[in-house]
Amino acid sequence: MSIPNYESIMLPLLKFAGDHQEHSMWQAIDVLTSQFNLTQEEQRKLLPSGQQSIFYNRVGWARSYMKQAGLLEATRRGYFRITERGTQVLQGNPKKIDADFLEQFNEFQEFKKRTRVRSTSQQEILNKGETPVEILETTYQSLRNELSSELLNQVKMSPPSLFEKMVVELLVKMGYGGSRKDAGEAIGKRGDEGIDGIIKEDRLGLDVIYIQAKRWDQTTIGRPEIQRFVGALQGQHARKGIFITTSSFSKDALDYARSIDSKVILIDGEQLAQSMIDYNVGVSSDRLYEIKKLDSDYFVEE
């Protein structure tokens, strides 16, 4: 079966807590994973940010909503227990517990008033069973992908000199090349076959990296192009290289780069655009939202 939504988790979670013992989130995750027969792949599936598993996030929101309705209570950080109200709910043998079911409790109604969703489209997403964190991260990833596509198209239309400047700035912000002046003097000045430039691997210049940069549009870069680059590296007795392109690499090219002794990193157009976003090259911040969470330790007396 697929990963259950947070509302489908509510009743099984409350039943799990029905022994009136204190339980941790990880204990609940372990038991519910078996109950829902989740595969290893489903258990490992992460939110778009990669910071948390989807199932853990949904169990967390199921617990949070039932806490707001007074069915569960927090005992200490990461632990919870069923309340008297929660026990009464279980004794009523409900077929299902969801947000509509929780509306019967005044505390949950007040909670909903405080967090009311004003957007109709967002409410429709909530009705599909996604948690607020999932909605936020999915929306963020969608905006990021749209920006990445727009950014890559702009890079492809830019003159070669601007592309060279962009590559220099990106590599410096990633920690290579020492100063921007050093990197700018190194890249684009080599002139050897298959090599566009040389850049320091670190600020001290303990090792160097050879660079090839291709501002191509549709052409897929195949194995022969990578072989020529590797041959150029060997001609310089070099061990490391970066091949950057605004297009893409064929499977043969990727397999070849992984199979050779030299360390050659291939960066295609999509990776290039994503790195530019990560390191703020060619983009600027539009607005910032700071997401905060409750610090339970603050409320514990020493």
C-alpha atoms as a PDB file:
ATOM      1  CA  MET A   1       0.000   0.000   0.000  1.00  0.00           C
ATOM      2  CA  SER A   2       1.022   3.632  -0.376  1.00  0.00           C
ATOM      3  CA  ILE A   3       2.066   5.872   2.514  1.00  0.00           C
ATOM      4  CA  PRO A   4      -1.133   6.695   4.470  1.00  0.00           C
ATOM      5  CA  ASN A   5      -2.134  10.332   4.911  1.00  0.00           C
ATOM      6  CA  TYR A   6      -2.007  11.861   8.367  1.00  0.00           C
ATOM      7  CA  GLU A   7      -5.753  11.448   8.973  1.00  0.00           C
ATOM      8  CA  SER A   8      -5.587   7.712   8.269  1.00  0.00           C
ATOM      9  CA  ILE A   9      -2.863   7.478  10.911  1.00  0.00           C
ATOM     10  CA  MET A  10      -4.913   9.104  13.695  1.00  0.00           C
ATOM     11  CA  LEU A  11      -7.014   6.132  14.837  1.00  0.00           C
ATOM     12  CA  PRO A  12      -4.181   3.549  14.719  1.00  0.00           C
ATOM     13  CA  LEU A  13      -1.957   5.990  16.631  1.00  0.00           C
ATOM     14  CA  LEU A  14      -4.599   6.534  19.307  1.00  0.00           C
ATOM     15  CA  LYS A  15      -5.125   2.770  19.625  1.00  0.00           C
ATOM     16  CA  PHE A  16      -1.362   2.325  19.989  1.00  0.00           C
ATOM     17  CA  ALA A  17      -1.433   4.780  22.897  1.00  0.00           C
ATOM     18  CA  GLY A  18      -4.476   3.061  24.383  1.00  0.00           C
ATOM     19  CA  ASP A  19      -2.340   1.139  26.910  1.00  0.00           C
ATOM     20  CA  HIS A  20      -2.001   4.403  28.902  1.00  0.00           C
ATOM     21  CA  GLN A  21       1.790   4.112  28.838  1.00  0.00           C
ATOM     22  CA  GLU A  22       4.220   6.861  27.862  1.00  0.00           C
ATOM     23  CA  HIS A  23       5.489   6.294  24.330  1.00  0.00           C
ATOM     24  CA  SER A  24       8.113   7.900  22.120  1.00  0.00           C
ATOM     25  CA  MET A  25       7.556   8.909  18.521  1.00  0.00           C
ATOM     26  CA  TRP A  26      10.040   6.279  17.379  1.00  0.00           C
ATOM     27  CA  GLN A  27       8.106   3.547  19.193  1.00  0.00           C
ATOM     28  CA  ALA A  28       4.963   4.698  17.409  1.00  0.00           C
ATOM     29  CA  ILE A  29       6.750   4.818  14.060  1.00  0.00           C
ATOM     30  CA  ASP A  30       8.044   1.275  14.512  1.00  0.00           C
ATOM     31  CA  VAL A  31       4.613  -0.182  15.348  1.00  0.00           C
ATOM     32  CA  LEU A  32       2.679   1.813  12.725  1.00  0.00           C
ATOM     33  CA  THR A  33       5.189   0.933  10.014  1.00  0.00           C
ATOM     34  CA  SER A  34       4.319  -2.729  10.556  1.00  0.00           C
ATOM     35  CA  GLN A  35       0.588  -2.077  10.794  1.00  0.00           C
ATOM     36  CA  PHE A  36       0.541  -0.256   7.466  1.00  0.00           C
ATOM     37  CA  ASN A  37       2.890  -2.827   5.863  1.00  0.00           C
ATOM     38  CA  LEU A  38       5.176  -0.102   4.530  1.00  0.00           C
ATOM     39  CA  THR A  39       7.968  -1.225   2.243  1.00  0.00           C
ATOM     40  CA  GLN A  40      11.574  -0.198   2.829  1.00  0.00           C
ATOM     41  CA  GLU A  41      11.248   2.241  -0.073  1.00  0.00           C
ATOM     42  CA  GLU A  42       8.135   3.833   1.461  1.00  0.00           C
ATOM     43  CA  GLN A  43       9.823   4.081   4.857  1.00  0.00           C
ATOM     44  CA  ARG A  44      12.833   5.850   3.327  1.00  0.00           C
ATOM     45  CA  LYS A  45      10.857   8.261   1.129  1.00  0.00           C
ATOM     46  CA  LEU A  46      11.693  11.810   2.194  1.00  0.00           C
ATOM     47  CA  LEU A  47      10.081  15.227   2.029  1.00  0.00           C
ATOM     48  CA  PRO A  48      11.397  17.438  -0.815  1.00  0.00           C
ATOM     49  CA  SER A  49      13.919  19.008   1.587  1.00  0.00           C
ATOM     50  CA  GLY A  50      15.359  15.588   2.397  1.00  0.00           C
ATOM     51  CA  GLN A  51      15.320  16.458   6.095  1.00  0.00           C
ATOM     52  CA  GLN A  52      12.629  14.041   7.281  1.00  0.00           C
ATOM     53  CA  SER A  53      10.767  10.962   6.111  1.00  0.00           C
ATOM     54  CA  ILE A  54       7.231  11.529   4.833  1.00  0.00           C
ATOM     55  CA  PHE A  55       5.807   8.863   7.148  1.00  0.00           C
ATOM     56  CA  TYR A  56       7.480  10.336  10.254  1.00  0.00           C
ATOM     57  CA  ASN A  57       6.150  13.768   9.307  1.00  0.00           C
ATOM     58  CA  ARG A  58       2.597  12.463   8.891  1.00  0.00           C
ATOM     59  CA  VAL A  59       2.663  10.552  12.180  1.00  0.00           C
ATOM     60  CA  GLY A  60       3.916  13.743  13.839  1.00  0.00           C
ATOM     61  CA  TRP A  61       1.003  15.773  12.462  1.00  0.00           C
ATOM     62  CA  ALA A  62      -1.522  13.093  13.423  1.00  0.00           C
ATOM     63  CA  ARG A  63      -0.185  13.250  16.968  1.00  0.00           C
ATOM     64  CA  SER A  64      -0.167  17.060  16.929  1.00  0.00           C
ATOM     65  CA  TYR A  65      -3.793  17.361  15.785  1.00  0.00           C
ATOM     66  CA  MET A  66      -4.988  14.860  18.393  1.00  0.00           C
ATOM     67  CA  LYS A  67      -3.058  16.776  21.045  1.00  0.00           C
ATOM     68  CA  GLN A  68      -4.887  19.935  19.998  1.00  0.00           C
ATOM     69  CA  ALA A  69      -8.175  18.048  20.426  1.00  0.00           C
ATOM     70  CA  GLY A  70      -7.151  16.781  23.872  1.00  0.00           C
ATOM     71  CA  LEU A  71      -6.920  13.088  22.937  1.00  0.00           C
ATOM     72  CA  LEU A  72      -3.171  12.889  23.506  1.00  0.00           C
ATOM     73  CA  GLU A  73      -0.827  14.853  25.760  1.00  0.00           C
ATOM     74  CA  ALA A  74       2.890  15.555  25.630  1.00  0.00           C
ATOM     75  CA  THR A  75       4.737  14.155  28.637  1.00  0.00           C
ATOM     76  CA  ARG A  76       8.230  15.293  27.704  1.00  0.00           C
ATOM     77  CA  ARG A  77      10.120  16.095  24.541  1.00  0.00           C
ATOM     78  CA  GLY A  78       9.376  13.457  21.903  1.00  0.00           C
ATOM     79  CA  TYR A  79       7.020  11.494  24.182  1.00  0.00           C
ATOM     80  CA  PHE A  80       3.247  11.361  24.541  1.00  0.00           C
ATOM     81  CA  ARG A  81       0.431   9.542  26.323  1.00  0.00           C
ATOM     82  CA  ILE A  82      -3.306   9.068  25.845  1.00  0.00           C
ATOM     83  CA  THR A  83      -5.625  11.300  27.888  1.00  0.00           C
ATOM     84  CA  GLU A  84      -8.903  10.460  29.614  1.00  0.00           C
ATOM     85  CA  ARG A  85     -10.739  12.003  26.669  1.00  0.00           C
ATOM     86  CA  GLY A  86      -8.722   9.874  24.270  1.00  0.00           C
ATOM     87  CA  THR A  87      -9.668   6.765  26.246  1.00  0.00           C
ATOM     88  CA  GLN A  88     -13.328   7.738  26.069  1.00  0.00           C
ATOM     89  CA  VAL A  89     -13.053   8.162  22.314  1.00  0.00           C
ATOM     90  CA  LEU A  90     -11.597   4.660  21.941  1.00  0.00           C
ATOM     91  CA  GLN A  91     -14.349   3.221  24.123  1.00  0.00           C
ATOM     92  CA  GLY A  92     -16.837   4.635  21.616  1.00  0.00           C
ATOM     93  CA  ASN A  93     -15.235   2.347  18.988  1.00  0.00           C
ATOM     94  CA  PRO A  94     -14.997   4.999  16.221  1.00  0.00           C
ATOM     95  CA  LYS A  95     -14.663   3.775  12.655  1.00  0.00           C
ATOM     96  CA  LYS A  96     -12.433   6.689  11.746  1.00  0.00           C
ATOM     97  CA  ILE A  97     -10.759   9.718  13.301  1.00  0.00           C
ATOM     98  CA  ASP A  98     -10.046  12.702  11.057  1.00  0.00           C
ATOM     99  CA  ALA A  99     -10.191  16.495  11.193  1.00  0.00           C
ATOM    100  CA  ASP A 100     -13.982  16.448  10.885  1.00  0.00           C
ATOM    101  CA  PHE A 101     -14.217  14.057  13.841  1.00  0.00           C
ATOM    102  CA  LEU A 102     -11.979  16.328  15.939  1.00  0.00           C
ATOM    103  CA  GLU A 103     -14.248  19.315  15.235  1.00  0.00           C
ATOM    104  CA  GLN A 104     -16.557  18.136  18.051  1.00  0.00           C
ATOM    105  CA  PHE A 105     -13.993  19.310  20.610  1.00  0.00           C
ATOM    106  CA  ASN A 106     -13.877  23.016  21.473  1.00  0.00           C
ATOM    107  CA  GLU A 107     -10.097  23.024  21.817  1.00  0.00           C
ATOM    108  CA  PHE A 108      -9.698  21.796  18.246  1.00  0.00           C
ATOM    109  CA  GLN A 109     -12.181  24.369  16.972  1.00  0.00           C
ATOM    110  CA  GLU A 110     -10.139  27.108  18.629  1.00  0.00           C
ATOM    111  CA  PHE A 111      -6.982  25.662  17.135  1.00  0.00           C
ATOM    112  CA  LYS A 112      -8.534  25.717  13.659  1.00  0.00           C
ATOM    113  CA  LYS A 113      -9.570  29.351  14.125  1.00  0.00           C
ATOM    114  CA  ARG A 114      -6.002  30.295  14.990  1.00  0.00           C
ATOM    115  CA  THR A 115      -4.568  28.504  11.978  1.00  0.00           C
ATOM    116  CA  ARG A 116      -7.364  29.002   9.455  1.00  0.00           C
ATOM    117  CA  VAL A 117      -6.254  28.580   5.837  1.00  0.00           C
ATOM    118  CA  ARG A 118      -7.511  31.503   3.777  1.00  0.00           C
ATOM    119  CA  SER A 119      -6.583  30.178   0.359  1.00  0.00           C
ATOM    120  CA  THR A 120      -9.152  27.894  -1.295  1.00  0.00           C
ATOM    121  CA  SER A 121      -6.436  26.103  -3.294  1.00  0.00           C
ATOM    122  CA  GLN A 122      -4.437  25.433  -0.136  1.00  0.00           C
ATOM    123  CA  GLN A 123      -7.546  24.109   1.584  1.00  0.00           C
ATOM    124  CA  GLU A 124      -8.077  21.703  -1.310  1.00  0.00           C
ATOM    125  CA  ILE A 125      -4.538  20.424  -0.827  1.00  0.00           C
ATOM    126  CA  LEU A 126      -5.157  19.962   2.896  1.00  0.00           C
ATOM    127  CA  ASN A 127      -8.259  17.960   2.066  1.00  0.00           C
ATOM    128  CA  LYS A 128      -6.052  15.507   0.156  1.00  0.00           C
ATOM    129  CA  GLY A 129      -4.381  14.558   3.432  1.00  0.00           C
ATOM    130  CA  GLU A 130      -1.042  16.330   3.027  1.00  0.00           C
ATOM    131  CA  THR A 131       0.490  17.945   6.097  1.00  0.00           C
ATOM    132  CA  PRO A 132       1.300  21.683   6.211  1.00  0.00           C
ATOM    133  CA  VAL A 133       5.024  20.851   6.003  1.00  0.00           C
ATOM    134  CA  GLU A 134       4.458  18.773   2.864  1.00  0.00           C
ATOM    135  CA  ILE A 135       2.477  21.590   1.266  1.00  0.00           C
ATOM    136  CA  LEU A 136       5.188  24.107   2.117  1.00  0.00           C
ATOM    137  CA  GLU A 137       8.051  21.959   0.849  1.00  0.00           C
ATOM    138  CA  THR A 138       6.245  20.854  -2.307  1.00  0.00           C
ATOM    139  CA  THR A 139       5.393  24.467  -3.147  1.00  0.00           C
ATOM    140  CA  TYR A 140       8.977  25.537  -2.474  1.00  0.00           C
ATOM    141  CA  GLN A 141      10.356  22.782  -4.701  1.00  0.00           C
ATOM    142  CA  SER A 142       7.939  23.744  -7.485  1.00  0.00           C
ATOM    143  CA  LEU A 143       9.056  27.388  -7.326  1.00  0.00           C
ATOM    144  CA  ARG A 144      12.704  26.309  -7.265  1.00  0.00           C
ATOM    145  CA  ASN A 145      12.299  24.053 -10.319  1.00  0.00           C
ATOM    146  CA  GLU A 146      10.574  26.851 -12.207  1.00  0.00           C
ATOM    147  CA  LEU A 147      13.410  29.232 -11.336  1.00  0.00           C
ATOM    148  CA  SER A 148      16.002  26.627 -12.342  1.00  0.00           C
ATOM    149  CA  SER A 149      14.446  26.258 -15.796  1.00  0.00           C
ATOM    150  CA  GLU A 150      14.226  30.033 -16.260  1.00  0.00           C
ATOM    151  CA  LEU A 151      17.808  30.487 -15.074  1.00  0.00           C
ATOM    152  CA  LEU A 152      19.224  27.843 -17.412  1.00  0.00           C
ATOM    153  CA  ASN A 153      17.439  29.358 -20.428  1.00  0.00           C
ATOM    154  CA  GLN A 154      18.942  32.734 -19.547  1.00  0.00           C
ATOM    155  CA  VAL A 155      22.435  31.249 -19.234  1.00  0.00           C
ATOM    156  CA  LYS A 156      22.117  29.619 -22.676  1.00  0.00           C
ATOM    157  CA  MET A 157      21.176  32.984 -24.227  1.00  0.00           C
ATOM    158  CA  SER A 158      24.012  34.878 -22.529  1.00  0.00           C
ATOM    159  CA  PRO A 159      27.256  35.736 -24.363  1.00  0.00           C
ATOM    160  CA  PRO A 160      30.323  33.486 -23.817  1.00  0.00           C
ATOM    161  CA  SER A 161      32.081  36.121 -21.716  1.00  0.00           C
ATOM    162  CA  LEU A 162      29.183  36.245 -19.263  1.00  0.00           C
ATOM    163  CA  PHE A 163      29.068  32.447 -19.099  1.00  0.00           C
ATOM    164  CA  GLU A 164      32.778  32.403 -18.246  1.00  0.00           C
ATOM    165  CA  LYS A 165      32.237  35.019 -15.531  1.00  0.00           C
ATOM    166  CA  MET A 166      29.336  33.020 -14.121  1.00  0.00           C
ATOM    167  CA  VAL A 167      31.398  29.808 -13.948  1.00  0.00           C
ATOM    168  CA  VAL A 168      34.189  31.670 -12.162  1.00  0.00           C
ATOM    169  CA  GLU A 169      31.827  33.209  -9.614  1.00  0.00           C
ATOM    170  CA  LEU A 170      30.075  29.903  -8.942  1.00  0.00           C
ATOM    171  CA  LEU A 171      33.300  27.969  -8.377  1.00  0.00           C
ATOM    172  CA  VAL A 172      34.676  30.647  -6.066  1.00  0.00           C
ATOM    173  CA  LYS A 173      31.463  30.654  -4.013  1.00  0.00           C
ATOM    174  CA  MET A 174      31.702  26.867  -3.817  1.00  0.00           C
ATOM    175  CA  GLY A 175      35.100  27.300  -2.177  1.00  0.00           C
ATOM    176  CA  TYR A 176      37.457  26.814  -5.124  1.00  0.00           C
ATOM    177  CA  GLY A 177      39.956  29.149  -6.733  1.00  0.00           C
ATOM    178  CA  GLY A 178      41.096  31.227  -3.779  1.00  0.00           C
ATOM    179  CA  SER A 179      40.113  34.805  -4.640  1.00  0.00           C
ATOM    180  CA  ARG A 180      37.855  35.752  -7.514  1.00  0.00           C
ATOM    181  CA  LYS A 181      40.808  37.490  -9.146  1.00  0.00           C
ATOM    182  CA  ASP A 182      42.889  34.295  -9.025  1.00  0.00           C
ATOM    183  CA  ALA A 183      40.067  32.231 -10.462  1.00  0.00           C
ATOM    184  CA  GLY A 184      39.333  34.756 -13.193  1.00  0.00           C
ATOM    185  CA  GLU A 185      42.945  34.738 -14.317  1.00  0.00           C
ATOM    186  CA  ALA A 186      43.040  30.934 -14.328  1.00  0.00           C
ATOM    187  CA  ILE A 187      39.902  30.097 -16.258  1.00  0.00           C
ATOM    188  CA  GLY A 188      39.719  30.598 -19.980  1.00  0.00           C
ATOM    189  CA  LYS A 189      43.440  31.200 -20.370  1.00  0.00           C
ATOM    190  CA  ARG A 190      44.749  27.659 -20.824  1.00  0.00           C
ATOM    191  CA  GLY A 191      44.228  26.985 -24.521  1.00  0.00           C
ATOM    192  CA  ASP A 192      45.139  23.263 -24.381  1.00  0.00           C
ATOM    193  CA  GLU A 193      42.923  20.787 -26.209  1.00  0.00           C
ATOM    194  CA  GLY A 194      40.082  19.736 -23.924  1.00  0.00           C
ATOM    195  CA  ILE A 195      41.000  22.183 -21.150  1.00  0.00           C
ATOM    196  CA  ASP A 196      39.492  25.638 -20.709  1.00  0.00           C
ATOM    197  CA  GLY A 197      41.181  26.560 -17.464  1.00  0.00           C
ATOM    198  CA  ILE A 198      42.804  25.640 -14.189  1.00  0.00           C
ATOM    199  CA  ILE A 199      41.540  26.555 -10.749  1.00  0.00           C
ATOM    200  CA  LYS A 200      42.871  25.965  -7.248  1.00  0.00           C
ATOM    201  CA  GLU A 201      41.085  23.234  -5.308  1.00  0.00           C
ATOM    202  CA  ASP A 202      41.457  25.252  -2.105  1.00  0.00           C
ATOM    203  CA  ARG A 203      42.513  28.732  -1.075  1.00  0.00           C
ATOM    204  CA  LEU A 204      46.096  27.615  -0.415  1.00  0.00           C
ATOM    205  CA  GLY A 205      46.458  26.034  -3.823  1.00  0.00           C
ATOM    206  CA  LEU A 206      47.544  22.632  -2.492  1.00  0.00           C
ATOM    207  CA  ASP A 207      46.050  21.025  -5.608  1.00  0.00           C
ATOM    208  CA  VAL A 208      44.543  22.208  -8.876  1.00  0.00           C
ATOM    209  CA  ILE A 209      41.463  21.231 -10.855  1.00  0.00           C
ATOM    210  CA  TYR A 210      41.258  21.394 -14.635  1.00  0.00           C
ATOM    211  CA  ILE A 211      38.031  22.721 -16.119  1.00  0.00           C
ATOM    212  CA  GLN A 212      36.113  22.292 -19.351  1.00  0.00           C
ATOM    213  CA  ALA A 213      33.008  24.453 -19.840  1.00  0.00           C
ATOM    214  CA  LYS A 214      30.596  24.072 -22.761  1.00  0.00           C
ATOM    215  CA  ARG A 215      27.721  26.525 -23.237  1.00  0.00           C
ATOM    216  CA  TRP A 216      25.692  24.279 -25.508  1.00  0.00           C
ATOM    217  CA  ASP A 217      21.950  24.226 -26.006  1.00  0.00           C
ATOM    218  CA  GLN A 218      20.538  20.913 -27.248  1.00  0.00           C
ATOM    219  CA  THR A 219      23.662  18.857 -27.988  1.00  0.00           C
ATOM    220  CA  THR A 220      24.122  15.912 -25.639  1.00  0.00           C
ATOM    221  CA  ILE A 221      27.737  15.421 -24.632  1.00  0.00           C
ATOM    222  CA  GLY A 222      28.820  11.842 -25.271  1.00  0.00           C
ATOM    223  CA  ARG A 223      31.655   9.623 -24.177  1.00  0.00           C
ATOM    224  CA  PRO A 224      34.162  10.761 -26.874  1.00  0.00           C
ATOM    225  CA  GLU A 225      34.048  14.347 -25.577  1.00  0.00           C
ATOM    226  CA  ILE A 226      34.765  13.165 -22.021  1.00  0.00           C
ATOM    227  CA  GLN A 227      37.527  10.877 -23.265  1.00  0.00           C
ATOM    228  CA  ARG A 228      39.237  13.839 -24.952  1.00  0.00           C
ATOM    229  CA  PHE A 229      38.985  15.796 -21.702  1.00  0.00           C
ATOM    230  CA  VAL A 230      40.461  12.897 -19.704  1.00  0.00           C
ATOM    231  CA  GLY A 231      43.246  12.568 -22.291  1.00  0.00           C
ATOM    232  CA  ALA A 232      44.039  16.257 -21.840  1.00  0.00           C
ATOM    233  CA  LEU A 233      44.180  15.749 -18.076  1.00  0.00           C
ATOM    234  CA  GLN A 234      46.591  12.858 -18.464  1.00  0.00           C
ATOM    235  CA  GLY A 235      48.739  14.989 -20.753  1.00  0.00           C
ATOM    236  CA  GLN A 236      49.081  17.460 -17.879  1.00  0.00           C
ATOM    237  CA  HIS A 237      49.626  14.675 -15.303  1.00  0.00           C
ATOM    238  CA  ALA A 238      46.436  15.959 -13.658  1.00  0.00           C
ATOM    239  CA  ARG A 239      44.226  13.905 -11.340  1.00  0.00           C
ATOM    240  CA  LYS A 240      41.071  16.007 -11.102  1.00  0.00           C
ATOM    241  CA  GLY A 241      38.749  17.707 -13.544  1.00  0.00           C
ATOM    242  CA  ILE A 242      35.321  19.313 -13.789  1.00  0.00           C
ATOM    243  CA  PHE A 243      33.311  19.252 -17.007  1.00  0.00           C
ATOM    244  CA  ILE A 244      30.490  21.808 -16.978  1.00  0.00           C
ATOM    245  CA  THR A 245      27.810  22.123 -19.634  1.00  0.00           C
ATOM    246  CA  THR A 246      24.470  23.831 -20.097  1.00  0.00           C
ATOM    247  CA  SER A 247      23.184  20.751 -21.954  1.00  0.00           C
ATOM    248  CA  SER A 248      23.316  17.135 -20.743  1.00  0.00           C
ATOM    249  CA  PHE A 249      25.518  14.023 -20.721  1.00  0.00           C
ATOM    250  CA  SER A 250      24.757  10.687 -22.336  1.00  0.00           C
ATOM    251  CA  LYS A 251      24.596   7.534 -20.211  1.00  0.00           C
ATOM    252  CA  ASP A 252      27.847   6.321 -21.808  1.00  0.00           C
ATOM    253  CA  ALA A 253      29.564   9.544 -20.787  1.00  0.00           C
ATOM    254  CA  LEU A 254      28.348   9.244 -17.196  1.00  0.00           C
ATOM    255  CA  ASP A 255      29.323   5.566 -16.983  1.00  0.00           C
ATOM    256  CA  TYR A 256      32.782   6.300 -18.405  1.00  0.00           C
ATOM    257  CA  ALA A 257      33.435   9.114 -15.922  1.00  0.00           C
ATOM    258  CA  ARG A 258      32.549   6.782 -13.050  1.00  0.00           C
ATOM    259  CA  SER A 259      34.791   3.987 -14.315  1.00  0.00           C
ATOM    260  CA  ILE A 260      38.120   5.811 -14.731  1.00  0.00           C
ATOM    261  CA  ASP A 261      40.836   6.351 -12.115  1.00  0.00           C
ATOM    262  CA  SER A 262      40.926  10.111 -12.600  1.00  0.00           C
ATOM    263  CA  LYS A 263      38.408  12.064 -10.566  1.00  0.00           C
ATOM    264  CA  VAL A 264      36.189  13.762 -13.150  1.00  0.00           C
ATOM    265  CA  ILE A 265      32.973  15.485 -12.077  1.00  0.00           C
ATOM    266  CA  LEU A 266      30.295  16.070 -14.711  1.00  0.00           C
ATOM    267  CA  ILE A 267      27.893  18.967 -14.122  1.00  0.00           C
ATOM    268  CA  ASP A 268      24.970  19.208 -16.556  1.00  0.00           C
ATOM    269  CA  GLY A 269      22.645  22.134 -17.132  1.00  0.00           C
ATOM    270  CA  GLU A 270      20.146  21.165 -14.445  1.00  0.00           C
ATOM    271  CA  GLN A 271      22.864  20.691 -11.814  1.00  0.00           C
ATOM    272  CA  LEU A 272      24.462  23.958 -12.894  1.00  0.00           C
ATOM    273  CA  ALA A 273      21.228  25.899 -12.447  1.00  0.00           C
ATOM    274  CA  GLN A 274      20.504  24.277  -9.073  1.00  0.00           C
ATOM    275  CA  SER A 275      24.035  25.131  -7.873  1.00  0.00           C
ATOM    276  CA  MET A 276      23.594  28.722  -9.023  1.00  0.00           C
ATOM    277  CA  ILE A 277      20.448  28.917  -6.875  1.00  0.00           C
ATOM    278  CA  ASP A 278      22.207  27.320  -3.889  1.00  0.00           C
ATOM    279  CA  TYR A 279      25.138  29.746  -4.078  1.00  0.00           C
ATOM    280  CA  ASN A 280      23.170  32.838  -5.163  1.00  0.00           C
ATOM    281  CA  VAL A 281      24.725  33.308  -8.585  1.00  0.00           C
ATOM    282  CA  GLY A 282      22.447  35.140 -11.009  1.00  0.00           C
ATOM    283  CA  VAL A 283      19.547  35.086  -8.525  1.00  0.00           C
ATOM    284  CA  SER A 284      18.417  37.241  -5.627  1.00  0.00           C
ATOM    285  CA  SER A 285      16.142  36.653  -2.646  1.00  0.00           C
ATOM    286  CA  ASP A 286      12.544  37.688  -3.190  1.00  0.00           C
ATOM    287  CA  ARG A 287      11.182  37.062   0.309  1.00  0.00           C
ATOM    288  CA  LEU A 288      12.204  35.051   3.361  1.00  0.00           C
ATOM    289  CA  TYR A 289      10.059  32.998   5.725  1.00  0.00           C
ATOM    290  CA  GLU A 290      11.477  31.757   9.005  1.00  0.00           C
ATOM    291  CA  ILE A 291       9.793  28.581  10.249  1.00  0.00           C
ATOM    292  CA  LYS A 292      10.004  28.109  14.016  1.00  0.00           C
ATOM    293  CA  LYS A 293       9.005  25.243  16.294  1.00  0.00           C
ATOM    294  CA  LEU A 294       8.335  24.884  19.985  1.00  0.00           C
ATOM    295  CA  ASP A 295      11.434  24.530  22.172  1.00  0.00           C
ATOM    296  CA  SER A 296      10.179  21.998  24.729  1.00  0.00           C
ATOM    297  CA  ASP A 297      13.436  22.158  26.729  1.00  0.00           C
ATOM    298  CA  TYR A 298      12.759  25.809  27.527  1.00  0.00           C
ATOM    299  CA  PHE A 299       9.741  24.846  29.618  1.00  0.00           C
ATOM    300  CA  VAL A 300      11.539  22.173  31.677  1.00  0.00           C
ATOM    301  CA  GLU A 301      12.692  23.357  35.090  1.00  0.00           C
ATOM    302  CA  GLU A 302      16.309  22.578  35.904  1.00  0.00           C
END
